[in-house]
Amino acid sequence: METNVSDYALTAILFIINKENEVHLVTFHFHTFTVVELNYNTHDKELFAIFEAFKIWQHYLESLAYPIDIIIDYKNLEYFYYQGFDPKTSMMVQTSLLVQPCY
């Protein structure tokens, strides 16, 4: 899985890599940010892209036999490592509540 964000939108690509190291696209997602989402910081947008991808592709991902690799721009998410994650102020708390396993 690969995600990317800009100031105005996010993209996510779900792909598989076969034994010959060939990349095969499974599905693609594009989301234009709402007025509220436009105000998110870059690190929040990056994390939002990951949550969004897991949410929309949950039916593909929950029965996999292999680990999932997420390719991101790590520098933008360093904020959570150095500043700490405050669940009281982060918009990601509401988003994370939406990403629940469905059994």
C-alpha atoms as a PDB file:
ATOM      1  CA  MET A   1       0.000   0.000   0.000  1.00  0.00           C
ATOM      2  CA  GLU A   2       1.256   3.480  -0.806  1.00  0.00           C
ATOM      3  CA  THR A   3      -0.331   6.758   0.252  1.00  0.00           C
ATOM      4  CA  ASN A   4       0.435  10.348  -0.625  1.00  0.00           C
ATOM      5  CA  VAL A   5      -1.127  13.712   0.172  1.00  0.00           C
ATOM      6  CA  SER A   6      -0.970  17.206  -1.225  1.00  0.00           C
ATOM      7  CA  ASP A   7      -2.531  20.377   0.090  1.00  0.00           C
ATOM      8  CA  TYR A   8      -5.825  19.538  -1.608  1.00  0.00           C
ATOM      9  CA  ALA A   9      -6.161  15.765  -1.979  1.00  0.00           C
ATOM     10  CA  LEU A  10      -4.935  12.317  -1.046  1.00  0.00           C
ATOM     11  CA  THR A  11      -4.165   9.282  -3.138  1.00  0.00           C
ATOM     12  CA  ALA A  12      -3.746   5.689  -2.104  1.00  0.00           C
ATOM     13  CA  ILE A  13      -2.590   2.748  -4.169  1.00  0.00           C
ATOM     14  CA  LEU A  14      -3.021  -0.878  -3.210  1.00  0.00           C
ATOM     15  CA  PHE A  15      -0.733  -3.191  -5.121  1.00  0.00           C
ATOM     16  CA  ILE A  16       0.951  -6.565  -4.877  1.00  0.00           C
ATOM     17  CA  ILE A  17       4.514  -7.529  -5.741  1.00  0.00           C
ATOM     18  CA  ASN A  18       4.926 -11.010  -7.154  1.00  0.00           C
ATOM     19  CA  LYS A  19       7.911 -13.356  -6.858  1.00  0.00           C
ATOM     20  CA  GLU A  20       9.559 -11.736  -9.895  1.00  0.00           C
ATOM     21  CA  ASN A  21       9.333  -8.306  -8.180  1.00  0.00           C
ATOM     22  CA  GLU A  22       6.690  -7.120 -10.642  1.00  0.00           C
ATOM     23  CA  VAL A  23       4.210  -4.607  -9.261  1.00  0.00           C
ATOM     24  CA  HIS A  24       0.532  -5.245 -10.017  1.00  0.00           C
ATOM     25  CA  LEU A  25      -2.134  -2.671  -9.223  1.00  0.00           C
ATOM     26  CA  VAL A  26      -5.093  -3.948  -7.208  1.00  0.00           C
ATOM     27  CA  THR A  27      -6.996  -0.692  -6.732  1.00  0.00           C
ATOM     28  CA  PHE A  28      -6.549   3.076  -6.552  1.00  0.00           C
ATOM     29  CA  HIS A  29      -8.287   5.708  -4.398  1.00  0.00           C
ATOM     30  CA  PHE A  30      -8.430   9.495  -4.788  1.00  0.00           C
ATOM     31  CA  HIS A  31     -10.073  11.836  -2.284  1.00  0.00           C
ATOM     32  CA  THR A  32     -10.366  15.618  -2.552  1.00  0.00           C
ATOM     33  CA  PHE A  33     -10.229  17.172   0.900  1.00  0.00           C
ATOM     34  CA  THR A  34     -13.346  18.784   2.319  1.00  0.00           C
ATOM     35  CA  VAL A  35     -13.269  22.364   3.582  1.00  0.00           C
ATOM     36  CA  VAL A  36     -12.580  21.109   7.107  1.00  0.00           C
ATOM     37  CA  GLU A  37      -9.881  18.638   5.983  1.00  0.00           C
ATOM     38  CA  LEU A  38      -8.056  21.420   4.117  1.00  0.00           C
ATOM     39  CA  ASN A  39      -7.227  22.929   7.520  1.00  0.00           C
ATOM     40  CA  TYR A  40      -5.433  19.804   8.785  1.00  0.00           C
ATOM     41  CA  ASN A  41      -1.676  19.959   9.272  1.00  0.00           C
ATOM     42  CA  THR A  42       0.478  17.958   6.870  1.00  0.00           C
ATOM     43  CA  HIS A  43       1.209  15.243   9.432  1.00  0.00           C
ATOM     44  CA  ASP A  44      -2.521  14.866  10.133  1.00  0.00           C
ATOM     45  CA  LYS A  45      -3.245  14.615   6.401  1.00  0.00           C
ATOM     46  CA  GLU A  46      -0.583  11.910   6.023  1.00  0.00           C
ATOM     47  CA  LEU A  47      -2.050   9.865   8.862  1.00  0.00           C
ATOM     48  CA  PHE A  48      -5.578  10.500   7.578  1.00  0.00           C
ATOM     49  CA  ALA A  49      -4.553   9.012   4.214  1.00  0.00           C
ATOM     50  CA  ILE A  50      -3.453   5.796   5.914  1.00  0.00           C
ATOM     51  CA  PHE A  51      -6.675   5.550   7.938  1.00  0.00           C
ATOM     52  CA  GLU A  52      -8.765   6.284   4.841  1.00  0.00           C
ATOM     53  CA  ALA A  53      -6.997   3.581   2.832  1.00  0.00           C
ATOM     54  CA  PHE A  54      -7.481   0.979   5.552  1.00  0.00           C
ATOM     55  CA  LYS A  55     -11.126   1.964   5.925  1.00  0.00           C
ATOM     56  CA  ILE A  56     -12.047   1.700   2.240  1.00  0.00           C
ATOM     57  CA  TRP A  57      -9.955  -1.413   1.562  1.00  0.00           C
ATOM     58  CA  GLN A  58     -10.730  -3.275   4.769  1.00  0.00           C
ATOM     59  CA  HIS A  59     -12.453  -6.066   2.824  1.00  0.00           C
ATOM     60  CA  TYR A  60      -9.233  -6.652   0.843  1.00  0.00           C
ATOM     61  CA  LEU A  61      -6.877  -6.464   3.808  1.00  0.00           C
ATOM     62  CA  GLU A  62      -8.424  -8.264   6.745  1.00  0.00           C
ATOM     63  CA  SER A  63      -7.946 -11.789   5.395  1.00  0.00           C
ATOM     64  CA  LEU A  64      -4.395 -11.479   4.058  1.00  0.00           C
ATOM     65  CA  ALA A  65      -1.861 -14.142   4.966  1.00  0.00           C
ATOM     66  CA  TYR A  66       1.079 -11.727   4.621  1.00  0.00           C
ATOM     67  CA  PRO A  67       2.018  -8.486   6.403  1.00  0.00           C
ATOM     68  CA  ILE A  68       0.991  -5.158   4.883  1.00  0.00           C
ATOM     69  CA  ASP A  69       3.696  -2.628   4.034  1.00  0.00           C
ATOM     70  CA  ILE A  70       2.674   1.023   4.105  1.00  0.00           C
ATOM     71  CA  ILE A  71       4.950   3.364   2.154  1.00  0.00           C
ATOM     72  CA  ILE A  72       4.789   6.939   3.434  1.00  0.00           C
ATOM     73  CA  ASP A  73       6.852  10.100   3.584  1.00  0.00           C
ATOM     74  CA  TYR A  74       8.234   9.410   7.055  1.00  0.00           C
ATOM     75  CA  LYS A  75       9.425  12.984   7.679  1.00  0.00           C
ATOM     76  CA  ASN A  76       5.856  14.289   7.886  1.00  0.00           C
ATOM     77  CA  LEU A  77       4.931  11.761  10.569  1.00  0.00           C
ATOM     78  CA  GLU A  78       7.973  12.473  12.747  1.00  0.00           C
ATOM     79  CA  TYR A  79       5.764  15.085  14.416  1.00  0.00           C
ATOM     80  CA  PHE A  80       3.968  12.345  16.370  1.00  0.00           C
ATOM     81  CA  TYR A  81       7.271  10.855  17.501  1.00  0.00           C
ATOM     82  CA  TYR A  82       8.787  14.102  18.763  1.00  0.00           C
ATOM     83  CA  GLN A  83       5.687  15.999  19.907  1.00  0.00           C
ATOM     84  CA  GLY A  84       3.730  13.049  21.183  1.00  0.00           C
ATOM     85  CA  PHE A  85       0.239  12.055  20.197  1.00  0.00           C
ATOM     86  CA  ASP A  86      -2.426  13.908  22.189  1.00  0.00           C
ATOM     87  CA  PRO A  87      -5.736  12.079  21.696  1.00  0.00           C
ATOM     88  CA  LYS A  88      -7.670  15.013  23.164  1.00  0.00           C
ATOM     89  CA  THR A  89      -6.644  17.438  20.420  1.00  0.00           C
ATOM     90  CA  SER A  90      -5.944  15.275  17.402  1.00  0.00           C
ATOM     91  CA  MET A  91      -8.514  14.952  14.647  1.00  0.00           C
ATOM     92  CA  MET A  92      -7.256  11.398  14.196  1.00  0.00           C
ATOM     93  CA  VAL A  93      -9.146  10.225  17.282  1.00  0.00           C
ATOM     94  CA  GLN A  94     -12.472  10.589  15.494  1.00  0.00           C
ATOM     95  CA  THR A  95     -11.069   8.976  12.357  1.00  0.00           C
ATOM     96  CA  SER A  96      -9.580   6.056  14.292  1.00  0.00           C
ATOM     97  CA  LEU A  97     -12.978   5.287  15.753  1.00  0.00           C
ATOM     98  CA  LEU A  98     -14.244   4.714  12.232  1.00  0.00           C
ATOM     99  CA  VAL A  99     -11.552   2.119  11.511  1.00  0.00           C
ATOM    100  CA  GLN A 100     -12.874  -0.799  13.498  1.00  0.00           C
ATOM    101  CA  PRO A 101     -12.746  -4.442  12.452  1.00  0.00           C
ATOM    102  CA  CYS A 102     -16.031  -5.767  11.129  1.00  0.00           C
ATOM    103  CA  TYR A 103     -16.662  -9.374  12.103  1.00  0.00           C
END
